[in-house]
C-alpha atoms as a PDB file:
ATOM      1  CA  MET A   1     -19.031 -18.135  11.828  1.00  0.00           C
ATOM      2  CA  GLU A   2     -18.181 -21.557  13.376  1.00  0.00           C
ATOM      3  CA  ARG A   3     -14.464 -22.204  14.003  1.00  0.00           C
ATOM      4  CA  LYS A   4     -12.360 -25.367  12.723  1.00  0.00           C
ATOM      5  CA  GLU A   5      -9.801 -27.198  14.557  1.00  0.00           C
ATOM      6  CA  LEU A   6      -6.641 -26.714  13.972  1.00  0.00           C
ATOM      7  CA  PRO A   7      -5.057 -29.829  12.124  1.00  0.00           C
ATOM      8  CA  SER A   8      -2.466 -32.125  14.237  1.00  0.00           C
ATOM      9  CA  SER A   9       0.565 -30.474  12.062  1.00  0.00           C
ATOM     10  CA  VAL A  10       0.044 -27.226  13.181  1.00  0.00           C
ATOM     11  CA  LYS A  11      -0.404 -27.703  16.725  1.00  0.00           C
ATOM     12  CA  GLY A  12       2.117 -27.770  19.219  1.00  0.00           C
ATOM     13  CA  GLN A  13       4.030 -25.676  21.989  1.00  0.00           C
ATOM     14  CA  TRP A  14       4.661 -21.884  21.784  1.00  0.00           C
ATOM     15  CA  SER A  15       8.958 -21.392  20.723  1.00  0.00           C
ATOM     16  CA  GLN A  16       9.654 -17.954  20.578  1.00  0.00           C
ATOM     17  CA  ASN A  17      12.939 -19.204  19.519  1.00  0.00           C
ATOM     18  CA  ILE A  18      11.134 -20.508  15.967  1.00  0.00           C
ATOM     19  CA  TYR A  19       7.927 -19.794  15.316  1.00  0.00           C
ATOM     20  CA  LEU A  20       5.879 -16.400  16.050  1.00  0.00           C
ATOM     21  CA  GLY A  21       2.290 -18.198  15.381  1.00  0.00           C
ATOM     22  CA  LEU A  22      -0.026 -19.754  12.768  1.00  0.00           C
ATOM     23  CA  LEU A  23      -1.538 -17.583  10.173  1.00  0.00           C
ATOM     24  CA  TYR A  24      -4.373 -17.781  11.540  1.00  0.00           C
ATOM     25  CA  GLY A  25      -7.061 -16.282   9.104  1.00  0.00           C
ATOM     26  CA  ILE A  26      -5.534 -18.755   6.896  1.00  0.00           C
ATOM     27  CA  TYR A  27      -7.493 -21.799   7.882  1.00  0.00           C
ATOM     28  CA  ILE A  28      -9.925 -20.911  10.600  1.00  0.00           C
ATOM     29  CA  TYR A  29     -12.357 -19.421   8.567  1.00  0.00           C
ATOM     30  CA  SER A  30     -13.314 -21.585   5.584  1.00  0.00           C
ATOM     31  CA  PRO A  31     -14.778 -18.640   3.110  1.00  0.00           C
ATOM     32  CA  MET A  32     -11.670 -16.725   3.405  1.00  0.00           C
ATOM     33  CA  ARG A  33      -9.888 -20.071   2.409  1.00  0.00           C
ATOM     34  CA  ILE A  34     -11.886 -19.327  -0.918  1.00  0.00           C
ATOM     35  CA  LEU A  35     -11.228 -15.565  -1.123  1.00  0.00           C
ATOM     36  CA  PHE A  36      -7.741 -16.508  -1.362  1.00  0.00           C
ATOM     37  CA  PHE A  37      -7.937 -18.683  -4.152  1.00  0.00           C
ATOM     38  CA  ILE A  38      -9.915 -15.500  -6.086  1.00  0.00           C
ATOM     39  CA  THR A  39      -7.290 -13.267  -5.244  1.00  0.00           C
ATOM     40  CA  LEU A  40      -4.432 -15.113  -7.051  1.00  0.00           C
ATOM     41  CA  SER A  41      -5.943 -13.964 -10.389  1.00  0.00           C
ATOM     42  CA  PRO A  42      -5.849 -10.645  -9.200  1.00  0.00           C
ATOM     43  CA  ASN A  43      -2.646 -10.696  -8.026  1.00  0.00           C
ATOM     44  CA  VAL A  44      -1.173 -11.558 -11.705  1.00  0.00           C
ATOM     45  CA  ASP A  45      -3.076  -8.727 -13.143  1.00  0.00           C
ATOM     46  CA  ILE A  46      -1.319  -6.620 -10.486  1.00  0.00           C
ATOM     47  CA  LEU A  47       1.776  -6.913 -11.187  1.00  0.00           C
ATOM     48  CA  ALA A  48       0.952  -6.972 -15.326  1.00  0.00           C
ATOM     49  CA  ALA A  49      -0.778  -4.017 -14.886  1.00  0.00           C
ATOM     50  CA  ASN A  50       2.253  -1.739 -12.975  1.00  0.00           C
ATOM     51  CA  THR A  51       4.780  -3.697 -14.919  1.00  0.00           C
ATOM     52  CA  SER A  52       3.216  -2.119 -18.054  1.00  0.00           C
ATOM     53  CA  VAL A  53       2.737   1.251 -16.478  1.00  0.00           C
ATOM     54  CA  MET A  54       6.596   1.180 -15.509  1.00  0.00           C
ATOM     55  CA  LEU A  55       7.310  -0.309 -19.015  1.00  0.00           C
ATOM     56  CA  ALA A  56       5.135   2.679 -20.628  1.00  0.00           C
ATOM     57  CA  VAL A  57       6.863   5.300 -18.653  1.00  0.00           C
ATOM     58  CA  LYS A  58      10.375   4.232 -19.043  1.00  0.00           C
ATOM     59  CA  LEU A  59       9.745   3.456 -23.008  1.00  0.00           C
ATOM     60  CA  SER A  60       7.849   6.250 -24.068  1.00  0.00           C
ATOM     61  CA  HIS A  61       9.875   9.769 -24.058  1.00  0.00           C
ATOM     62  CA  ASN A  62       6.705  11.996 -24.130  1.00  0.00           C
ATOM     63  CA  LEU A  63       5.923  10.298 -20.441  1.00  0.00           C
ATOM     64  CA  HIS A  64       9.265  11.521 -18.756  1.00  0.00           C
ATOM     65  CA  THR A  65       7.562  14.448 -16.635  1.00  0.00           C
ATOM     66  CA  PRO A  66       7.131  14.541 -13.068  1.00  0.00           C
ATOM     67  CA  MET A  67       4.028  13.594 -12.669  1.00  0.00           C
ATOM     68  CA  TYR A  68       4.386  10.144 -14.318  1.00  0.00           C
ATOM     69  CA  PHE A  69       7.865   9.874 -12.671  1.00  0.00           C
ATOM     70  CA  PHE A  70       5.858   9.475  -9.581  1.00  0.00           C
ATOM     71  CA  LEU A  71       3.077   7.373 -11.049  1.00  0.00           C
ATOM     72  CA  CYS A  72       5.711   4.618 -11.811  1.00  0.00           C
ATOM     73  CA  GLY A  73       7.372   4.643  -8.149  1.00  0.00           C
ATOM     74  CA  LEU A  74       4.199   4.347  -7.219  1.00  0.00           C
ATOM     75  CA  SER A  75       3.456   1.502  -9.277  1.00  0.00           C
ATOM     76  CA  PHE A  76       6.661   0.099  -8.230  1.00  0.00           C
ATOM     77  CA  SER A  77       5.220   0.543  -4.840  1.00  0.00           C
ATOM     78  CA  GLU A  78       2.359  -0.910  -4.635  1.00  0.00           C
ATOM     79  CA  THR A  79       3.925  -4.141  -6.549  1.00  0.00           C
ATOM     80  CA  CYS A  80       5.898  -4.335  -3.670  1.00  0.00           C
ATOM     81  CA  THR A  81       3.034  -3.999  -1.420  1.00  0.00           C
ATOM     82  CA  THR A  82       1.750  -7.112  -2.712  1.00  0.00           C
ATOM     83  CA  VAL A  83       5.009  -9.062  -3.540  1.00  0.00           C
ATOM     84  CA  VAL A  84       5.413  -8.756   0.194  1.00  0.00           C
ATOM     85  CA  VAL A  85       1.901 -10.167   1.375  1.00  0.00           C
ATOM     86  CA  ILE A  86       0.550 -12.469  -1.432  1.00  0.00           C
ATOM     87  CA  PRO A  87       3.549 -14.896  -2.370  1.00  0.00           C
ATOM     88  CA  ARG A  88       3.460 -15.927   1.670  1.00  0.00           C
ATOM     89  CA  MET A  89      -0.312 -15.965   1.723  1.00  0.00           C
ATOM     90  CA  LEU A  90      -0.143 -18.463  -0.899  1.00  0.00           C
ATOM     91  CA  VAL A  91       2.326 -20.816   0.348  1.00  0.00           C
ATOM     92  CA  ASP A  92       0.828 -20.876   3.492  1.00  0.00           C
ATOM     93  CA  LEU A  93      -2.690 -21.880   1.830  1.00  0.00           C
ATOM     94  CA  LEU A  94      -0.548 -24.712  -0.023  1.00  0.00           C
ATOM     95  CA  SER A  95       1.372 -25.787   3.430  1.00  0.00           C
ATOM     96  CA  ASP A  96      -0.042 -27.826   6.324  1.00  0.00           C
ATOM     97  CA  SER A  97       2.298 -26.020   8.663  1.00  0.00           C
ATOM     98  CA  LYS A  98       1.561 -22.566   8.189  1.00  0.00           C
ATOM     99  CA  SER A  99       3.728 -21.563  10.848  1.00  0.00           C
ATOM    100  CA  ILE A 100       5.876 -18.455  10.539  1.00  0.00           C
ATOM    101  CA  SER A 101       9.461 -17.692  12.278  1.00  0.00           C
ATOM    102  CA  ILE A 102      10.162 -14.561  14.270  1.00  0.00           C
ATOM    103  CA  PRO A 103      12.581 -13.119  11.774  1.00  0.00           C
ATOM    104  CA  GLU A 104       9.913 -13.992   8.727  1.00  0.00           C
ATOM    105  CA  CYS A 105       7.402 -11.904  10.596  1.00  0.00           C
ATOM    106  CA  ALA A 106       9.741  -9.212  11.519  1.00  0.00           C
ATOM    107  CA  THR A 107      10.896  -8.892   7.950  1.00  0.00           C
ATOM    108  CA  GLN A 108       7.864  -8.842   6.340  1.00  0.00           C
ATOM    109  CA  MET A 109       6.144  -6.246   9.001  1.00  0.00           C
ATOM    110  CA  PHE A 110       9.321  -4.061   7.897  1.00  0.00           C
ATOM    111  CA  PHE A 111       8.475  -4.234   4.250  1.00  0.00           C
ATOM    112  CA  PHE A 112       4.963  -4.357   4.275  1.00  0.00           C
ATOM    113  CA  PHE A 113       4.857  -0.842   6.280  1.00  0.00           C
ATOM    114  CA  GLY A 114       8.111   0.478   4.590  1.00  0.00           C
ATOM    115  CA  VAL A 115       6.041   0.133   1.344  1.00  0.00           C
ATOM    116  CA  GLY A 116       2.843   1.554   3.051  1.00  0.00           C
ATOM    117  CA  THR A 117       4.618   4.459   4.383  1.00  0.00           C
ATOM    118  CA  ASN A 118       6.561   5.086   0.857  1.00  0.00           C
ATOM    119  CA  ASN A 119       2.967   5.012  -0.680  1.00  0.00           C
ATOM    120  CA  CYS A 120       1.381   7.775   1.211  1.00  0.00           C
ATOM    121  CA  PHE A 121       4.195  10.436   0.764  1.00  0.00           C
ATOM    122  CA  ILE A 122       4.380   9.628  -2.923  1.00  0.00           C
ATOM    123  CA  LEU A 123       0.931  10.571  -3.066  1.00  0.00           C
ATOM    124  CA  ALA A 124       1.821  13.748  -1.400  1.00  0.00           C
ATOM    125  CA  ALA A 125       4.542  14.524  -3.457  1.00  0.00           C
ATOM    126  CA  MET A 126       2.025  13.588  -6.625  1.00  0.00           C
ATOM    127  CA  SER A 127      -0.250  16.388  -4.816  1.00  0.00           C
ATOM    128  CA  TYR A 128       2.255  18.802  -4.712  1.00  0.00           C
ATOM    129  CA  ASP A 129       3.183  18.263  -8.411  1.00  0.00           C
ATOM    130  CA  ARG A 130      -0.583  19.026  -9.629  1.00  0.00           C
ATOM    131  CA  TYR A 131      -0.493  21.787  -7.461  1.00  0.00           C
ATOM    132  CA  THR A 132       2.859  23.244  -8.713  1.00  0.00           C
ATOM    133  CA  ALA A 133       1.561  22.089 -12.464  1.00  0.00           C
ATOM    134  CA  ILE A 134      -1.441  24.688 -11.721  1.00  0.00           C
ATOM    135  CA  HIS A 135      -0.560  27.609 -10.093  1.00  0.00           C
ATOM    136  CA  ASN A 136       2.693  28.074 -11.966  1.00  0.00           C
ATOM    137  CA  PRO A 137       2.526  25.954 -15.278  1.00  0.00           C
ATOM    138  CA  LEU A 138       5.250  28.472 -17.160  1.00  0.00           C
ATOM    139  CA  HIS A 139       7.535  27.789 -14.497  1.00  0.00           C
ATOM    140  CA  TYR A 140       6.638  24.228 -13.986  1.00  0.00           C
ATOM    141  CA  SER A 141       9.981  22.635 -15.800  1.00  0.00           C
ATOM    142  CA  ILE A 142      11.663  24.762 -13.551  1.00  0.00           C
ATOM    143  CA  LEU A 143      10.111  24.050 -10.036  1.00  0.00           C
ATOM    144  CA  MET A 144       9.885  20.405 -10.252  1.00  0.00           C
ATOM    145  CA  THR A 145      13.308  19.646 -11.893  1.00  0.00           C
ATOM    146  CA  ARG A 146      14.547  16.033 -12.088  1.00  0.00           C
ATOM    147  CA  LYS A 147      16.661  16.384  -8.843  1.00  0.00           C
ATOM    148  CA  ILE A 148      13.476  18.056  -6.916  1.00  0.00           C
ATOM    149  CA  CYS A 149      11.699  14.559  -7.888  1.00  0.00           C
ATOM    150  CA  PHE A 150      14.308  12.413  -7.446  1.00  0.00           C
ATOM    151  CA  GLN A 151      14.751  14.017  -3.812  1.00  0.00           C
ATOM    152  CA  LEU A 152      11.069  13.848  -3.496  1.00  0.00           C
ATOM    153  CA  MET A 153      10.780  10.452  -3.915  1.00  0.00           C
ATOM    154  CA  MET A 154      14.507   9.729  -2.024  1.00  0.00           C
ATOM    155  CA  ALA A 155      12.217  11.417   1.279  1.00  0.00           C
ATOM    156  CA  SER A 156       9.379   9.369   0.741  1.00  0.00           C
ATOM    157  CA  CYS A 157      11.740   5.841   0.720  1.00  0.00           C
ATOM    158  CA  ILE A 158      13.905   6.813   3.440  1.00  0.00           C
ATOM    159  CA  THR A 159      10.702   8.177   5.872  1.00  0.00           C
ATOM    160  CA  GLY A 160       9.276   4.301   4.987  1.00  0.00           C
ATOM    161  CA  VAL A 161      12.489   2.834   6.261  1.00  0.00           C
ATOM    162  CA  VAL A 162      12.772   4.982   9.785  1.00  0.00           C
ATOM    163  CA  VAL A 163       9.459   4.329  10.219  1.00  0.00           C
ATOM    164  CA  SER A 164       9.042   0.721   9.738  1.00  0.00           C
ATOM    165  CA  LEU A 165      12.293  -0.015  11.633  1.00  0.00           C
ATOM    166  CA  CYS A 166      10.932   1.775  14.361  1.00  0.00           C
ATOM    167  CA  ILE A 167       7.398  -0.120  14.326  1.00  0.00           C
ATOM    168  CA  VAL A 168       9.388  -3.299  13.734  1.00  0.00           C
ATOM    169  CA  LEU A 169      12.029  -2.757  16.555  1.00  0.00           C
ATOM    170  CA  ILE A 170       8.943  -1.879  19.192  1.00  0.00           C
ATOM    171  CA  VAL A 171       6.730  -4.445  18.316  1.00  0.00           C
ATOM    172  CA  PHE A 172       9.581  -7.081  18.143  1.00  0.00           C
ATOM    173  CA  ASN A 173      10.755  -5.871  21.725  1.00  0.00           C
ATOM    174  CA  LEU A 174       7.768  -7.561  23.249  1.00  0.00           C
ATOM    175  CA  SER A 175       7.515 -10.495  25.123  1.00  0.00           C
ATOM    176  CA  PHE A 176       5.232 -12.879  23.945  1.00  0.00           C
ATOM    177  CA  CYS A 177       2.668 -15.420  25.903  1.00  0.00           C
ATOM    178  CA  ASP A 178       1.951 -19.114  25.238  1.00  0.00           C
ATOM    179  CA  SER A 179      -0.808 -18.183  22.342  1.00  0.00           C
ATOM    180  CA  SER A 180       0.568 -18.926  19.011  1.00  0.00           C
ATOM    181  CA  ILE A 181      -1.854 -18.035  16.919  1.00  0.00           C
ATOM    182  CA  ILE A 182      -1.877 -14.432  14.600  1.00  0.00           C
ATOM    183  CA  GLN A 183      -5.537 -13.694  13.773  1.00  0.00           C
ATOM    184  CA  HIS A 184      -4.231 -12.289   9.967  1.00  0.00           C
ATOM    185  CA  PHE A 185      -3.030 -13.767   6.787  1.00  0.00           C
ATOM    186  CA  PHE A 186       0.354 -11.814   7.491  1.00  0.00           C
ATOM    187  CA  CYS A 187       1.918 -10.178  10.421  1.00  0.00           C
ATOM    188  CA  ASP A 188       0.383  -6.936  10.876  1.00  0.00           C
ATOM    189  CA  ILE A 189       0.684  -5.025  13.949  1.00  0.00           C
ATOM    190  CA  THR A 190      -2.380  -5.202  15.495  1.00  0.00           C
ATOM    191  CA  PRO A 191      -2.835  -9.029  15.531  1.00  0.00           C
ATOM    192  CA  VAL A 192       0.962  -9.476  16.532  1.00  0.00           C
ATOM    193  CA  VAL A 193       1.212  -7.388  19.480  1.00  0.00           C
ATOM    194  CA  SER A 194      -1.864  -8.778  20.635  1.00  0.00           C
ATOM    195  CA  LEU A 195       0.430 -12.061  21.740  1.00  0.00           C
ATOM    196  CA  ALA A 196       2.215 -10.019  23.830  1.00  0.00           C
ATOM    197  CA  CYS A 197       2.380 -10.180  27.561  1.00  0.00           C
ATOM    198  CA  ASP A 198       3.940  -6.654  28.194  1.00  0.00           C
ATOM    199  CA  TYR A 199       1.890  -4.588  25.891  1.00  0.00           C
ATOM    200  CA  THR A 200       0.860  -1.343  27.203  1.00  0.00           C
ATOM    201  CA  ILE A 201      -0.836   1.760  26.909  1.00  0.00           C
ATOM    202  CA  PHE A 202       2.548   3.515  26.396  1.00  0.00           C
ATOM    203  CA  GLN A 203       3.542   1.498  23.361  1.00  0.00           C
ATOM    204  CA  LYS A 204       0.689   1.409  22.263  1.00  0.00           C
ATOM    205  CA  MET A 205      -0.294   5.425  22.275  1.00  0.00           C
ATOM    206  CA  ILE A 206       3.974   5.177  20.436  1.00  0.00           C
ATOM    207  CA  LEU A 207       2.326   2.557  17.706  1.00  0.00           C
ATOM    208  CA  LEU A 208      -0.718   4.805  17.315  1.00  0.00           C
ATOM    209  CA  ALA A 209       1.597   8.046  16.915  1.00  0.00           C
ATOM    210  CA  PHE A 210       3.768   6.209  13.985  1.00  0.00           C
ATOM    211  CA  THR A 211       0.459   5.494  11.924  1.00  0.00           C
ATOM    212  CA  ALA A 212      -1.042   8.805  12.853  1.00  0.00           C
ATOM    213  CA  PHE A 213       2.094  10.690  11.658  1.00  0.00           C
ATOM    214  CA  VAL A 214       2.079   8.211   8.247  1.00  0.00           C
ATOM    215  CA  LEU A 215      -1.578   8.390   7.527  1.00  0.00           C
ATOM    216  CA  VAL A 216      -2.904  11.301   9.131  1.00  0.00           C
ATOM    217  CA  GLY A 217       0.266  13.583   8.697  1.00  0.00           C
ATOM    218  CA  SER A 218       0.504  12.552   4.603  1.00  0.00           C
ATOM    219  CA  PHE A 219      -2.793  13.225   4.024  1.00  0.00           C
ATOM    220  CA  ILE A 220      -3.290  16.941   5.362  1.00  0.00           C
ATOM    221  CA  LEU A 221      -0.158  17.336   3.281  1.00  0.00           C
ATOM    222  CA  ILE A 222      -2.478  16.093  -0.025  1.00  0.00           C
ATOM    223  CA  MET A 223      -5.413  18.484   1.199  1.00  0.00           C
ATOM    224  CA  ILE A 224      -3.187  21.260   1.778  1.00  0.00           C
ATOM    225  CA  SER A 225      -2.203  21.163  -1.732  1.00  0.00           C
ATOM    226  CA  TYR A 226      -5.823  20.698  -3.005  1.00  0.00           C
ATOM    227  CA  VAL A 227      -7.008  23.453  -0.686  1.00  0.00           C
ATOM    228  CA  PHE A 228      -4.603  25.537  -3.163  1.00  0.00           C
ATOM    229  CA  ILE A 229      -5.244  23.711  -6.265  1.00  0.00           C
ATOM    230  CA  GLY A 230      -9.309  24.210  -5.540  1.00  0.00           C
ATOM    231  CA  SER A 231      -9.092  28.390  -4.484  1.00  0.00           C
ATOM    232  CA  ILE A 232      -6.545  28.687  -7.748  1.00  0.00           C
ATOM    233  CA  VAL A 233      -9.177  27.053  -9.994  1.00  0.00           C
ATOM    234  CA  MET A 234     -12.056  28.498  -8.812  1.00  0.00           C
ATOM    235  CA  LYS A 235     -10.577  31.798  -9.434  1.00  0.00           C
ATOM    236  CA  MET A 236     -10.211  30.623 -13.196  1.00  0.00           C
ATOM    237  CA  PRO A 237     -12.439  32.747 -15.643  1.00  0.00           C
ATOM    238  CA  SER A 238     -13.435  30.332 -18.347  1.00  0.00           C
ATOM    239  CA  ALA A 239     -14.961  26.790 -17.407  1.00  0.00           C
ATOM    240  CA  LYS A 240     -12.950  25.062 -19.733  1.00  0.00           C
ATOM    241  CA  GLY A 241     -10.151  26.013 -17.509  1.00  0.00           C
ATOM    242  CA  ARG A 242     -11.410  24.763 -14.552  1.00  0.00           C
ATOM    243  CA  TYR A 243     -12.801  21.585 -16.080  1.00  0.00           C
ATOM    244  CA  LYS A 244      -9.180  20.931 -17.124  1.00  0.00           C
ATOM    245  CA  ALA A 245      -7.462  21.847 -13.833  1.00  0.00           C
ATOM    246  CA  PHE A 246      -9.709  19.225 -11.769  1.00  0.00           C
ATOM    247  CA  SER A 247      -9.721  16.777 -14.445  1.00  0.00           C
ATOM    248  CA  THR A 248      -5.759  16.463 -14.383  1.00  0.00           C
ATOM    249  CA  CYS A 249      -6.719  15.727 -10.166  1.00  0.00           C
ATOM    250  CA  SER A 250      -9.368  13.732 -10.662  1.00  0.00           C
ATOM    251  CA  SER A 251      -7.269  10.366 -10.879  1.00  0.00           C
ATOM    252  CA  HIS A 252      -5.230  11.243  -8.065  1.00  0.00           C
ATOM    253  CA  LEU A 253      -8.401  12.041  -6.073  1.00  0.00           C
ATOM    254  CA  THR A 254      -9.665   8.910  -6.651  1.00  0.00           C
ATOM    255  CA  VAL A 255      -6.376   6.719  -5.545  1.00  0.00           C
ATOM    256  CA  VAL A 256      -6.217   9.056  -2.663  1.00  0.00           C
ATOM    257  CA  CYS A 257      -9.793   8.282  -1.374  1.00  0.00           C
ATOM    258  CA  THR A 258      -9.420   4.395  -1.788  1.00  0.00           C
ATOM    259  CA  HIS A 259      -5.829   4.169  -0.351  1.00  0.00           C
ATOM    260  CA  TYR A 260      -7.009   6.300   2.806  1.00  0.00           C
ATOM    261  CA  GLY A 261     -10.565   4.754   3.168  1.00  0.00           C
ATOM    262  CA  PHE A 262      -9.345   1.448   3.404  1.00  0.00           C
ATOM    263  CA  ALA A 263      -5.901   2.473   5.822  1.00  0.00           C
ATOM    264  CA  GLY A 264      -7.436   4.307   7.581  1.00  0.00           C
ATOM    265  CA  PHE A 265     -10.807   2.212   8.576  1.00  0.00           C
ATOM    266  CA  VAL A 266      -7.763  -0.907   9.878  1.00  0.00           C
ATOM    267  CA  TYR A 267      -5.328   1.193  11.384  1.00  0.00           C
ATOM    268  CA  LEU A 268      -7.042   4.502  12.915  1.00  0.00           C
ATOM    269  CA  ARG A 269     -10.110   2.923  14.659  1.00  0.00           C
ATOM    270  CA  PRO A 270     -10.677   1.651  18.114  1.00  0.00           C
ATOM    271  CA  LYS A 271      -9.812  -1.996  18.140  1.00  0.00           C
ATOM    272  CA  ASN A 272     -11.810  -4.601  19.940  1.00  0.00           C
ATOM    273  CA  SER A 273     -11.662  -8.220  19.741  1.00  0.00           C
ATOM    274  CA  ASP A 274     -14.336  -8.699  16.924  1.00  0.00           C
ATOM    275  CA  SER A 275     -12.229  -6.286  14.702  1.00  0.00           C
ATOM    276  CA  PHE A 276      -9.465  -8.687  13.951  1.00  0.00           C
ATOM    277  CA  ARG A 277     -11.861 -10.400  11.226  1.00  0.00           C
ATOM    278  CA  GLU A 278     -13.023  -6.957   9.447  1.00  0.00           C
ATOM    279  CA  ASP A 279      -9.453  -5.900   9.547  1.00  0.00           C
ATOM    280  CA  MET A 280      -8.428  -9.179   7.340  1.00  0.00           C
ATOM    281  CA  LEU A 281     -11.441  -8.368   5.207  1.00  0.00           C
ATOM    282  CA  MET A 282     -10.041  -5.132   4.410  1.00  0.00           C
ATOM    283  CA  ALA A 283      -6.442  -6.198   4.211  1.00  0.00           C
ATOM    284  CA  VAL A 284      -7.715  -8.433   1.685  1.00  0.00           C
ATOM    285  CA  THR A 285      -8.904  -5.848  -0.042  1.00  0.00           C
ATOM    286  CA  TYR A 286      -6.413  -3.078   0.281  1.00  0.00           C
ATOM    287  CA  THR A 287      -3.403  -5.577  -0.831  1.00  0.00           C
ATOM    288  CA  VAL A 288      -5.520  -6.367  -3.909  1.00  0.00           C
ATOM    289  CA  LEU A 289      -7.948  -3.557  -4.581  1.00  0.00           C
ATOM    290  CA  THR A 290      -5.866  -0.118  -4.307  1.00  0.00           C
ATOM    291  CA  PRO A 291      -2.645  -1.671  -6.181  1.00  0.00           C
ATOM    292  CA  LEU A 292      -5.247  -3.091  -9.053  1.00  0.00           C
ATOM    293  CA  LEU A 293      -6.853   0.136  -9.206  1.00  0.00           C
ATOM    294  CA  ASN A 294      -3.907   2.852  -9.905  1.00  0.00           C
ATOM    295  CA  PRO A 295      -2.667   1.949 -12.864  1.00  0.00           C
ATOM    296  CA  ILE A 296      -6.867   1.339 -14.348  1.00  0.00           C
ATOM    297  CA  VAL A 297      -7.824   4.854 -13.102  1.00  0.00           C
ATOM    298  CA  TYR A 298      -4.550   6.651 -14.561  1.00  0.00           C
ATOM    299  CA  SER A 299      -5.126   4.688 -18.012  1.00  0.00           C
ATOM    300  CA  LEU A 300      -8.936   5.010 -18.174  1.00  0.00           C
ATOM    301  CA  ARG A 301      -8.543   9.195 -17.376  1.00  0.00           C
ATOM    302  CA  ASN A 302      -5.575   9.705 -19.804  1.00  0.00           C
ATOM    303  CA  LYS A 303      -5.228   9.502 -23.480  1.00  0.00           C
ATOM    304  CA  GLU A 304      -1.073   9.764 -23.291  1.00  0.00           C
ATOM    305  CA  MET A 305      -0.785   6.685 -21.051  1.00  0.00           C
ATOM    306  CA  GLN A 306      -3.184   4.533 -23.059  1.00  0.00           C
ATOM    307  CA  THR A 307      -1.502   5.522 -26.147  1.00  0.00           C
ATOM    308  CA  ALA A 308       2.108   4.548 -24.129  1.00  0.00           C
ATOM    309  CA  LEU A 309       0.315   1.528 -23.087  1.00  0.00           C
ATOM    310  CA  LYS A 310      -0.899   0.184 -26.741  1.00  0.00           C
ATOM    311  CA  LYS A 311       2.911   0.524 -27.685  1.00  0.00           C
ATOM    312  CA  VAL A 312       3.561  -1.383 -25.037  1.00  0.00           C
ATOM    313  CA  LEU A 313       1.496  -4.044 -25.289  1.00  0.00           C
ATOM    314  CA  GLY A 314       1.589  -3.884 -29.295  1.00  0.00           C
ATOM    315  CA  ASN A 315       5.604  -4.257 -29.104  1.00  0.00           C
ATOM    316  CA  ILE A 316       5.516  -7.453 -26.918  1.00  0.00           C
ATOM    317  CA  CYS A 317       2.957  -8.708 -28.770  1.00  0.00           C
ATOM    318  CA  ARG A 318       4.941  -8.349 -31.903  1.00  0.00           C
ATOM    319  CA  PHE A 319       8.001 -10.244 -30.141  1.00  0.00           C
ATOM    320  CA  SER A 320       5.826 -12.840 -28.284  1.00  0.00           C
ATOM    321  CA  PRO A 321       6.031 -16.204 -30.350  1.00  0.00           C
END
């Protein structure tokens, strides 16, 4: 793909105190600009879909259960992921300078990885919730109280804050060289550290360890829950019971496979100079597809959620002029 020269308004000397760099992906590749325009409509849909799910859970008393509590938290977290990245991207798309200051870049990275880590551990909590519901259905309400659900949610949030803060402190304590081009449309780890002069293998391994802790660690927790779920389900005498048990987990498994498939491809595979563009394309996908997929998957396969959403949408239509 042929690269275009940057306009004169975005050229200039590197200034570490003011600008970290240029959001490279927004201007250099023309097809990317078209793709970003196309993502505007889906991101409005993301906000509408996830807000509808949160309202449905809040307003429907029959959805005041641990599973829907975690789903509401996941919808809020996914919405935050989109809000952290997309508005800034659209501003840069319409702007001539396409520059970002160091504090802005650090803030964006902090919130992006904070909510991303939160998403991973909420998915792990949801898998534990499904295991508890299948393994101890009679004691489910005792084992998964509102207090325990809140503690699991807070543990996910705190883990996200701590991990994200550590990543940001490591990345922004590096010394950056003369290059002022971030080869991405937001402040991701690899494109930012590629500008550093003193990025060592030791720092690379620490950042990889944090990434692996979040992705691999939470995925192992999810798989442990599903190994136990599978062993319980296979011992059930009736085919109808096995089908019902698996159907309660199918939506969660779909979201898990999508989330970890994209995230693992971007953050766990070996990097080279040609991987930045692939990462940009994948990042567009997981910042748009995954947040939009969650409410769709949980709505299509869940009659309770469908009924609640119909009531919410009916009330909105009734009160709208």
